[in-house]
């Protein structure tokens, strides 16, 4: 269960945004996430007239990528899959 530190405000029409729980590339494809987002996913949804991607992630190594593409707008905590630890995550808004 996620615990958001503050409500996440979506300024756009909800039908004009995408909400990703996370964006994940397998270990073998590491380093390709930025290329996929910038060259495939973002242009595709921009053509479909979406305005922004809202994305949450608890993987610290991905935070710099999302910060380059957009802006951090919030944070949250969630339990790990085995419920043995708490993960801290961030929410980003990436404009299209």
PDB file of N, CA and C in Angstrom:
ATOM      1  N   UNK A   1       0.835  -1.172   0.000  1.00  0.00           N
ATOM      2  CA  UNK A   1       0.000   0.000   0.000  1.00  0.00           C
ATOM      3  C   UNK A   1       0.884   1.241   0.000  1.00  0.00           C
ATOM      4  N   UNK A   2       0.604   2.168  -0.893  1.00  0.00           N
ATOM      5  CA  UNK A   2       1.360   3.411  -0.958  1.00  0.00           C
ATOM      6  C   UNK A   2       0.815   4.421   0.039  1.00  0.00           C
ATOM      7  N   UNK A   3       1.733   5.185   0.578  1.00  0.00           N
ATOM      8  CA  UNK A   3       1.382   6.296   1.447  1.00  0.00           C
ATOM      9  C   UNK A   3       1.987   7.543   0.821  1.00  0.00           C
ATOM     10  N   UNK A   4       1.147   8.384   0.226  1.00  0.00           N
ATOM     11  CA  UNK A   4       1.615   9.599  -0.404  1.00  0.00           C
ATOM     12  C   UNK A   4       1.781  10.680   0.648  1.00  0.00           C
ATOM     13  N   UNK A   5       2.885  11.423   0.553  1.00  0.00           N
ATOM     14  CA  UNK A   5       3.150  12.461   1.544  1.00  0.00           C
ATOM     15  C   UNK A   5       2.251  13.670   1.346  1.00  0.00           C
ATOM     16  N   UNK A   6       1.697  13.827   0.139  1.00  0.00           N
ATOM     17  CA  UNK A   6       0.777  14.916  -0.161  1.00  0.00           C
ATOM     18  C   UNK A   6      -0.081  14.487  -1.356  1.00  0.00           C
ATOM     19  N   UNK A   7      -1.238  15.081  -1.529  1.00  0.00           N
ATOM     20  CA  UNK A   7      -2.047  14.740  -2.706  1.00  0.00           C
ATOM     21  C   UNK A   7      -1.304  15.125  -3.989  1.00  0.00           C
ATOM     22  N   UNK A   8      -1.469  14.337  -5.025  1.00  0.00           N
ATOM     23  CA  UNK A   8      -0.858  14.631  -6.318  1.00  0.00           C
ATOM     24  C   UNK A   8      -1.910  15.335  -7.171  1.00  0.00           C
ATOM     25  N   UNK A   9      -1.617  16.569  -7.531  1.00  0.00           N
ATOM     26  CA  UNK A   9      -2.559  17.356  -8.314  1.00  0.00           C
ATOM     27  C   UNK A   9      -2.278  17.167  -9.802  1.00  0.00           C
ATOM     28  N   UNK A  10      -3.310  16.813 -10.533  1.00  0.00           N
ATOM     29  CA  UNK A  10      -3.216  16.685 -11.984  1.00  0.00           C
ATOM     30  C   UNK A  10      -3.915  17.902 -12.563  1.00  0.00           C
ATOM     31  N   UNK A  11      -3.149  18.777 -13.221  1.00  0.00           N
ATOM     32  CA  UNK A  11      -3.696  20.031 -13.730  1.00  0.00           C
ATOM     33  C   UNK A  11      -4.414  19.868 -15.067  1.00  0.00           C
ATOM     34  N   UNK A  12      -4.047  18.855 -15.807  1.00  0.00           N
ATOM     35  CA  UNK A  12      -4.645  18.636 -17.114  1.00  0.00           C
ATOM     36  C   UNK A  12      -5.962  17.877 -16.988  1.00  0.00           C
ATOM     37  N   UNK A  13      -6.705  17.841 -18.076  1.00  0.00           N
ATOM     38  CA  UNK A  13      -7.884  16.994 -18.169  1.00  0.00           C
ATOM     39  C   UNK A  13      -7.405  15.556 -17.985  1.00  0.00           C
ATOM     40  N   UNK A  14      -8.035  14.799 -17.136  1.00  0.00           N
ATOM     41  CA  UNK A  14      -7.599  13.437 -16.816  1.00  0.00           C
ATOM     42  C   UNK A  14      -7.561  12.539 -18.052  1.00  0.00           C
ATOM     43  N   UNK A  15      -8.332  12.861 -19.074  1.00  0.00           N
ATOM     44  CA  UNK A  15      -8.330  12.092 -20.318  1.00  0.00           C
ATOM     45  C   UNK A  15      -7.159  12.448 -21.228  1.00  0.00           C
ATOM     46  N   UNK A  16      -6.353  13.430 -20.822  1.00  0.00           N
ATOM     47  CA  UNK A  16      -5.219  13.875 -21.633  1.00  0.00           C
ATOM     48  C   UNK A  16      -3.872  13.556 -20.990  1.00  0.00           C
ATOM     49  N   UNK A  17      -3.888  12.707 -19.962  1.00  0.00           N
ATOM     50  CA  UNK A  17      -2.640  12.330 -19.300  1.00  0.00           C
ATOM     51  C   UNK A  17      -2.524  10.815 -19.209  1.00  0.00           C
ATOM     52  N   UNK A  18      -1.293  10.364 -19.088  1.00  0.00           N
ATOM     53  CA  UNK A  18      -0.994   8.954 -18.855  1.00  0.00           C
ATOM     54  C   UNK A  18      -0.462   8.824 -17.444  1.00  0.00           C
ATOM     55  N   UNK A  19      -0.828   7.775 -16.761  1.00  0.00           N
ATOM     56  CA  UNK A  19      -0.322   7.531 -15.414  1.00  0.00           C
ATOM     57  C   UNK A  19       0.359   6.175 -15.424  1.00  0.00           C
ATOM     58  N   UNK A  20       1.679   6.191 -15.246  1.00  0.00           N
ATOM     59  CA  UNK A  20       2.470   4.963 -15.229  1.00  0.00           C
ATOM     60  C   UNK A  20       2.814   4.636 -13.788  1.00  0.00           C
ATOM     61  N   UNK A  21       2.567   3.402 -13.400  1.00  0.00           N
ATOM     62  CA  UNK A  21       2.974   2.945 -12.081  1.00  0.00           C
ATOM     63  C   UNK A  21       4.503   2.951 -11.994  1.00  0.00           C
ATOM     64  N   UNK A  22       5.152   2.589 -13.069  1.00  0.00           N
ATOM     65  CA  UNK A  22       6.599   2.690 -13.231  1.00  0.00           C
ATOM     66  C   UNK A  22       6.911   2.359 -14.672  1.00  0.00           C
ATOM     67  N   UNK A  23       8.121   2.632 -15.079  1.00  0.00           N
ATOM     68  CA  UNK A  23       8.595   2.267 -16.405  1.00  0.00           C
ATOM     69  C   UNK A  23       9.828   1.412 -16.170  1.00  0.00           C
ATOM     70  N   UNK A  24       9.817   0.173 -16.645  1.00  0.00           N
ATOM     71  CA  UNK A  24      10.884  -0.760 -16.299  1.00  0.00           C
ATOM     72  C   UNK A  24      11.493  -1.377 -17.548  1.00  0.00           C
ATOM     73  N   UNK A  25      12.800  -1.394 -17.583  1.00  0.00           N
ATOM     74  CA  UNK A  25      13.566  -2.069 -18.628  1.00  0.00           C
ATOM     75  C   UNK A  25      14.296  -3.223 -17.946  1.00  0.00           C
ATOM     76  N   UNK A  26      14.337  -4.377 -18.574  1.00  0.00           N
ATOM     77  CA  UNK A  26      15.016  -5.527 -17.979  1.00  0.00           C
ATOM     78  C   UNK A  26      16.511  -5.225 -17.817  1.00  0.00           C
ATOM     79  N   UNK A  27      17.161  -5.974 -16.962  1.00  0.00           N
ATOM     80  CA  UNK A  27      18.588  -5.772 -16.684  1.00  0.00           C
ATOM     81  C   UNK A  27      19.407  -5.790 -17.970  1.00  0.00           C
ATOM     82  N   UNK A  28      19.054  -6.683 -18.889  1.00  0.00           N
ATOM     83  CA  UNK A  28      19.801  -6.788 -20.147  1.00  0.00           C
ATOM     84  C   UNK A  28      19.656  -5.537 -21.007  1.00  0.00           C
ATOM     85  N   UNK A  29      18.558  -4.819 -20.844  1.00  0.00           N
ATOM     86  CA  UNK A  29      18.310  -3.622 -21.639  1.00  0.00           C
ATOM     87  C   UNK A  29      18.643  -2.338 -20.921  1.00  0.00           C
ATOM     88  N   UNK A  30      19.315  -2.458 -19.791  1.00  0.00           N
ATOM     89  CA  UNK A  30      19.629  -1.286 -18.989  1.00  0.00           C
ATOM     90  C   UNK A  30      20.367  -0.251 -19.821  1.00  0.00           C
ATOM     91  N   UNK A  31      19.963   0.994 -19.689  1.00  0.00           N
ATOM     92  CA  UNK A  31      20.538   2.074 -20.468  1.00  0.00           C
ATOM     93  C   UNK A  31      19.690   2.424 -21.684  1.00  0.00           C
ATOM     94  N   UNK A  32      18.708   1.596 -21.995  1.00  0.00           N
ATOM     95  CA  UNK A  32      17.837   1.849 -23.138  1.00  0.00           C
ATOM     96  C   UNK A  32      16.543   2.565 -22.762  1.00  0.00           C
ATOM     97  N   UNK A  33      16.267   2.714 -21.495  1.00  0.00           N
ATOM     98  CA  UNK A  33      15.016   3.324 -21.054  1.00  0.00           C
ATOM     99  C   UNK A  33      14.830   4.736 -21.565  1.00  0.00           C
ATOM    100  N   UNK A  34      15.875   5.538 -21.503  1.00  0.00           N
ATOM    101  CA  UNK A  34      15.765   6.917 -21.982  1.00  0.00           C
ATOM    102  C   UNK A  34      15.475   6.941 -23.480  1.00  0.00           C
ATOM    103  N   UNK A  35      16.151   6.090 -24.215  1.00  0.00           N
ATOM    104  CA  UNK A  35      15.919   6.022 -25.662  1.00  0.00           C
ATOM    105  C   UNK A  35      14.475   5.624 -25.961  1.00  0.00           C
ATOM    106  N   UNK A  36      13.963   4.609 -25.262  1.00  0.00           N
ATOM    107  CA  UNK A  36      12.586   4.169 -25.470  1.00  0.00           C
ATOM    108  C   UNK A  36      11.597   5.283 -25.139  1.00  0.00           C
ATOM    109  N   UNK A  37      11.801   5.930 -24.014  1.00  0.00           N
ATOM    110  CA  UNK A  37      10.891   7.008 -23.633  1.00  0.00           C
ATOM    111  C   UNK A  37      10.941   8.163 -24.628  1.00  0.00           C
ATOM    112  N   UNK A  38      12.145   8.632 -24.960  1.00  0.00           N
ATOM    113  CA  UNK A  38      12.288   9.814 -25.804  1.00  0.00           C
ATOM    114  C   UNK A  38      11.981   9.561 -27.275  1.00  0.00           C
ATOM    115  N   UNK A  39      12.313   8.390 -27.788  1.00  0.00           N
ATOM    116  CA  UNK A  39      12.186   8.122 -29.225  1.00  0.00           C
ATOM    117  C   UNK A  39      10.919   7.362 -29.604  1.00  0.00           C
ATOM    118  N   UNK A  40      10.324   6.637 -28.659  1.00  0.00           N
ATOM    119  CA  UNK A  40       9.174   5.802 -29.004  1.00  0.00           C
ATOM    120  C   UNK A  40       7.927   6.209 -28.216  1.00  0.00           C
ATOM    121  N   UNK A  41       7.978   6.100 -26.907  1.00  0.00           N
ATOM    122  CA  UNK A  41       6.789   6.265 -26.078  1.00  0.00           C
ATOM    123  C   UNK A  41       6.281   7.707 -26.067  1.00  0.00           C
ATOM    124  N   UNK A  42       7.162   8.659 -25.784  1.00  0.00           N
ATOM    125  CA  UNK A  42       6.725  10.053 -25.709  1.00  0.00           C
ATOM    126  C   UNK A  42       6.218  10.578 -27.057  1.00  0.00           C
ATOM    127  N   UNK A  43       6.930  10.361 -28.175  1.00  0.00           N
ATOM    128  CA  UNK A  43       6.398  10.833 -29.462  1.00  0.00           C
ATOM    129  C   UNK A  43       5.061  10.179 -29.835  1.00  0.00           C
ATOM    130  N   UNK A  44       4.928   8.895 -29.549  1.00  0.00           N
ATOM    131  CA  UNK A  44       3.684   8.192 -29.874  1.00  0.00           C
ATOM    132  C   UNK A  44       2.495   8.827 -29.158  1.00  0.00           C
ATOM    133  N   UNK A  45       2.621   9.036 -27.851  1.00  0.00           N
ATOM    134  CA  UNK A  45       1.500   9.580 -27.096  1.00  0.00           C
ATOM    135  C   UNK A  45       1.296  11.067 -27.355  1.00  0.00           C
ATOM    136  N   UNK A  46       2.343  11.773 -27.724  1.00  0.00           N
ATOM    137  CA  UNK A  46       2.178  13.174 -28.119  1.00  0.00           C
ATOM    138  C   UNK A  46       1.338  13.247 -29.394  1.00  0.00           C
ATOM    139  N   UNK A  47       1.581  12.344 -30.349  1.00  0.00           N
ATOM    140  CA  UNK A  47       0.759  12.287 -31.564  1.00  0.00           C
ATOM    141  C   UNK A  47      -0.700  11.971 -31.246  1.00  0.00           C
ATOM    142  N   UNK A  48      -0.921  11.232 -30.185  1.00  0.00           N
ATOM    143  CA  UNK A  48      -2.280  10.891 -29.747  1.00  0.00           C
ATOM    144  C   UNK A  48      -2.894  12.024 -28.921  1.00  0.00           C
ATOM    145  N   UNK A  49      -2.166  13.142 -28.819  1.00  0.00           N
ATOM    146  CA  UNK A  49      -2.606  14.380 -28.159  1.00  0.00           C
ATOM    147  C   UNK A  49      -2.689  14.299 -26.635  1.00  0.00           C
ATOM    148  N   UNK A  50      -1.915  13.404 -26.033  1.00  0.00           N
ATOM    149  CA  UNK A  50      -1.772  13.421 -24.585  1.00  0.00           C
ATOM    150  C   UNK A  50      -0.864  14.582 -24.205  1.00  0.00           C
ATOM    151  N   UNK A  51      -1.070  15.138 -23.012  1.00  0.00           N
ATOM    152  CA  UNK A  51      -0.334  16.329 -22.580  1.00  0.00           C
ATOM    153  C   UNK A  51       0.837  16.024 -21.656  1.00  0.00           C
ATOM    154  N   UNK A  52       0.753  14.920 -20.883  1.00  0.00           N
ATOM    155  CA  UNK A  52       1.804  14.638 -19.901  1.00  0.00           C
ATOM    156  C   UNK A  52       1.741  13.179 -19.467  1.00  0.00           C
ATOM    157  N   UNK A  53       2.873  12.727 -18.945  1.00  0.00           N
ATOM    158  CA  UNK A  53       2.972  11.417 -18.299  1.00  0.00           C
ATOM    159  C   UNK A  53       3.237  11.675 -16.826  1.00  0.00           C
ATOM    160  N   UNK A  54       2.436  11.082 -15.959  1.00  0.00           N
ATOM    161  CA  UNK A  54       2.696  11.095 -14.519  1.00  0.00           C
ATOM    162  C   UNK A  54       3.227   9.703 -14.185  1.00  0.00           C
ATOM    163  N   UNK A  55       4.381   9.663 -13.526  1.00  0.00           N
ATOM    164  CA  UNK A  55       5.069   8.391 -13.322  1.00  0.00           C
ATOM    165  C   UNK A  55       5.591   8.309 -11.901  1.00  0.00           C
ATOM    166  N   UNK A  56       5.408   7.157 -11.273  1.00  0.00           N
ATOM    167  CA  UNK A  56       5.971   6.965  -9.937  1.00  0.00           C
ATOM    168  C   UNK A  56       6.985   5.835  -9.979  1.00  0.00           C
ATOM    169  N   UNK A  57       8.026   5.970  -9.174  1.00  0.00           N
ATOM    170  CA  UNK A  57       9.080   4.965  -9.160  1.00  0.00           C
ATOM    171  C   UNK A  57       9.767   4.965  -7.803  1.00  0.00           C
ATOM    172  N   UNK A  58      10.166   3.780  -7.373  1.00  0.00           N
ATOM    173  CA  UNK A  58      10.940   3.660  -6.132  1.00  0.00           C
ATOM    174  C   UNK A  58      12.362   3.199  -6.435  1.00  0.00           C
ATOM    175  N   UNK A  59      12.788   3.331  -7.684  1.00  0.00           N
ATOM    176  CA  UNK A  59      14.134   2.915  -8.079  1.00  0.00           C
ATOM    177  C   UNK A  59      15.034   4.148  -8.204  1.00  0.00           C
ATOM    178  N   UNK A  60      15.874   4.420  -7.199  1.00  0.00           N
ATOM    179  CA  UNK A  60      16.693   5.631  -7.181  1.00  0.00           C
ATOM    180  C   UNK A  60      17.563   5.824  -8.429  1.00  0.00           C
ATOM    181  N   UNK A  61      17.994   4.740  -9.064  1.00  0.00           N
ATOM    182  CA  UNK A  61      18.836   4.888 -10.254  1.00  0.00           C
ATOM    183  C   UNK A  61      18.063   5.485 -11.429  1.00  0.00           C
ATOM    184  N   UNK A  62      16.743   5.444 -11.384  1.00  0.00           N
ATOM    185  CA  UNK A  62      15.943   6.010 -12.479  1.00  0.00           C
ATOM    186  C   UNK A  62      15.564   7.472 -12.236  1.00  0.00           C
ATOM    187  N   UNK A  63      15.754   7.969 -11.024  1.00  0.00           N
ATOM    188  CA  UNK A  63      15.316   9.325 -10.704  1.00  0.00           C
ATOM    189  C   UNK A  63      15.987  10.381 -11.585  1.00  0.00           C
ATOM    190  N   UNK A  64      17.257  10.215 -11.890  1.00  0.00           N
ATOM    191  CA  UNK A  64      17.944  11.233 -12.707  1.00  0.00           C
ATOM    192  C   UNK A  64      17.364  11.274 -14.117  1.00  0.00           C
ATOM    193  N   UNK A  65      16.998  10.121 -14.670  1.00  0.00           N
ATOM    194  CA  UNK A  65      16.370  10.084 -15.991  1.00  0.00           C
ATOM    195  C   UNK A  65      15.055  10.852 -15.969  1.00  0.00           C
ATOM    196  N   UNK A  66      14.193  10.553 -15.019  1.00  0.00           N
ATOM    197  CA  UNK A  66      12.894  11.210 -14.961  1.00  0.00           C
ATOM    198  C   UNK A  66      13.035  12.706 -14.683  1.00  0.00           C
ATOM    199  N   UNK A  67      14.050  13.089 -13.931  1.00  0.00           N
ATOM    200  CA  UNK A  67      14.290  14.513 -13.665  1.00  0.00           C
ATOM    201  C   UNK A  67      14.757  15.241 -14.923  1.00  0.00           C
ATOM    202  N   UNK A  68      15.503  14.563 -15.780  1.00  0.00           N
ATOM    203  CA  UNK A  68      15.933  15.177 -17.041  1.00  0.00           C
ATOM    204  C   UNK A  68      14.756  15.370 -17.991  1.00  0.00           C
ATOM    205  N   UNK A  69      13.790  14.466 -17.945  1.00  0.00           N
ATOM    206  CA  UNK A  69      12.649  14.519 -18.853  1.00  0.00           C
ATOM    207  C   UNK A  69      11.498  15.371 -18.317  1.00  0.00           C
ATOM    208  N   UNK A  70      11.448  15.542 -17.010  1.00  0.00           N
ATOM    209  CA  UNK A  70      10.331  16.270 -16.406  1.00  0.00           C
ATOM    210  C   UNK A  70      10.714  16.866 -15.074  1.00  0.00           C
ATOM    211  N   UNK A  71       9.761  16.856 -14.155  1.00  0.00           N
ATOM    212  CA  UNK A  71       9.983  17.470 -12.848  1.00  0.00           C
ATOM    213  C   UNK A  71       9.381  16.583 -11.750  1.00  0.00           C
ATOM    214  N   UNK A  72      10.073  16.516 -10.631  1.00  0.00           N
ATOM    215  CA  UNK A  72       9.562  15.783  -9.469  1.00  0.00           C
ATOM    216  C   UNK A  72       8.415  16.568  -8.858  1.00  0.00           C
ATOM    217  N   UNK A  73       7.275  15.894  -8.620  1.00  0.00           N
ATOM    218  CA  UNK A  73       6.110  16.590  -8.076  1.00  0.00           C
ATOM    219  C   UNK A  73       5.616  16.016  -6.754  1.00  0.00           C
ATOM    220  N   UNK A  74       6.246  14.950  -6.279  1.00  0.00           N
ATOM    221  CA  UNK A  74       5.793  14.375  -5.020  1.00  0.00           C
ATOM    222  C   UNK A  74       6.628  13.181  -4.612  1.00  0.00           C
ATOM    223  N   UNK A  75       6.262  12.604  -3.482  1.00  0.00           N
ATOM    224  CA  UNK A  75       6.967  11.427  -2.976  1.00  0.00           C
ATOM    225  C   UNK A  75       5.968  10.511  -2.280  1.00  0.00           C
ATOM    226  N   UNK A  76       6.413   9.283  -2.039  1.00  0.00           N
ATOM    227  CA  UNK A  76       5.547   8.297  -1.391  1.00  0.00           C
ATOM    228  C   UNK A  76       6.413   7.229  -0.735  1.00  0.00           C
ATOM    229  N   UNK A  77       5.779   6.412   0.073  1.00  0.00           N
ATOM    230  CA  UNK A  77       6.408   5.235   0.669  1.00  0.00           C
ATOM    231  C   UNK A  77       5.510   4.044   0.403  1.00  0.00           C
ATOM    232  N   UNK A  78       6.121   2.891   0.198  1.00  0.00           N
ATOM    233  CA  UNK A  78       5.342   1.663   0.020  1.00  0.00           C
ATOM    234  C   UNK A  78       6.122   0.500   0.610  1.00  0.00           C
ATOM    235  N   UNK A  79       5.409  -0.568   0.904  1.00  0.00           N
ATOM    236  CA  UNK A  79       6.055  -1.774   1.410  1.00  0.00           C
ATOM    237  C   UNK A  79       6.680  -2.539   0.255  1.00  0.00           C
ATOM    238  N   UNK A  80       7.798  -3.202   0.527  1.00  0.00           N
ATOM    239  CA  UNK A  80       8.395  -4.073  -0.480  1.00  0.00           C
ATOM    240  C   UNK A  80       7.446  -5.247  -0.729  1.00  0.00           C
ATOM    241  N   UNK A  81       7.686  -5.983  -1.799  1.00  0.00           N
ATOM    242  CA  UNK A  81       6.816  -7.104  -2.153  1.00  0.00           C
ATOM    243  C   UNK A  81       6.673  -8.117  -1.018  1.00  0.00           C
ATOM    244  N   UNK A  82       7.754  -8.335  -0.267  1.00  0.00           N
ATOM    245  CA  UNK A  82       7.696  -9.301   0.836  1.00  0.00           C
ATOM    246  C   UNK A  82       7.320  -8.648   2.173  1.00  0.00           C
ATOM    247  N   UNK A  83       7.016  -7.344   2.135  1.00  0.00           N
ATOM    248  CA  UNK A  83       6.585  -6.580   3.310  1.00  0.00           C
ATOM    249  C   UNK A  83       7.644  -6.514   4.414  1.00  0.00           C
ATOM    250  N   UNK A  84       8.905  -6.690   4.065  1.00  0.00           N
ATOM    251  CA  UNK A  84       9.967  -6.652   5.072  1.00  0.00           C
ATOM    252  C   UNK A  84      10.627  -5.291   5.184  1.00  0.00           C
ATOM    253  N   UNK A  85      10.434  -4.429   4.194  1.00  0.00           N
ATOM    254  CA  UNK A  85      11.052  -3.104   4.261  1.00  0.00           C
ATOM    255  C   UNK A  85      10.144  -2.073   3.597  1.00  0.00           C
ATOM    256  N   UNK A  86      10.442  -0.821   3.862  1.00  0.00           N
ATOM    257  CA  UNK A  86       9.694   0.281   3.272  1.00  0.00           C
ATOM    258  C   UNK A  86      10.531   0.901   2.165  1.00  0.00           C
ATOM    259  N   UNK A  87       9.916   1.101   1.020  1.00  0.00           N
ATOM    260  CA  UNK A  87      10.590   1.754  -0.108  1.00  0.00           C
ATOM    261  C   UNK A  87      10.122   3.193  -0.196  1.00  0.00           C
ATOM    262  N   UNK A  88      11.057   4.100  -0.451  1.00  0.00           N
ATOM    263  CA  UNK A  88      10.721   5.502  -0.677  1.00  0.00           C
ATOM    264  C   UNK A  88      10.760   5.753  -2.171  1.00  0.00           C
ATOM    265  N   UNK A  89       9.724   6.381  -2.675  1.00  0.00           N
ATOM    266  CA  UNK A  89       9.641   6.634  -4.099  1.00  0.00           C
ATOM    267  C   UNK A  89       9.336   8.093  -4.397  1.00  0.00           C
ATOM    268  N   UNK A  90       9.405   8.421  -5.674  1.00  0.00           N
ATOM    269  CA  UNK A  90       9.145   9.772  -6.145  1.00  0.00           C
ATOM    270  C   UNK A  90       8.139   9.729  -7.281  1.00  0.00           C
ATOM    271  N   UNK A  91       7.413  10.824  -7.440  1.00  0.00           N
ATOM    272  CA  UNK A  91       6.458  10.974  -8.525  1.00  0.00           C
ATOM    273  C   UNK A  91       6.967  12.092  -9.428  1.00  0.00           C
ATOM    274  N   UNK A  92       6.912  11.845 -10.734  1.00  0.00           N
ATOM    275  CA  UNK A  92       7.397  12.797 -11.712  1.00  0.00           C
ATOM    276  C   UNK A  92       6.300  13.141 -12.711  1.00  0.00           C
ATOM    277  N   UNK A  93       6.356  14.360 -13.217  1.00  0.00           N
ATOM    278  CA  UNK A  93       5.492  14.777 -14.321  1.00  0.00           C
ATOM    279  C   UNK A  93       6.411  15.047 -15.503  1.00  0.00           C
ATOM    280  N   UNK A  94       6.127  14.351 -16.609  1.00  0.00           N
ATOM    281  CA  UNK A  94       6.908  14.507 -17.832  1.00  0.00           C
ATOM    282  C   UNK A  94       5.978  15.107 -18.879  1.00  0.00           C
ATOM    283  N   UNK A  95       6.202  16.353 -19.265  1.00  0.00           N
ATOM    284  CA  UNK A  95       5.327  16.960 -20.267  1.00  0.00           C
ATOM    285  C   UNK A  95       5.551  16.362 -21.647  1.00  0.00           C
ATOM    286  N   UNK A  96       4.491  16.291 -22.415  1.00  0.00           N
ATOM    287  CA  UNK A  96       4.595  15.839 -23.795  1.00  0.00           C
ATOM    288  C   UNK A  96       4.417  17.042 -24.659  1.00  0.00           C
TER     289      UNK A  96
END
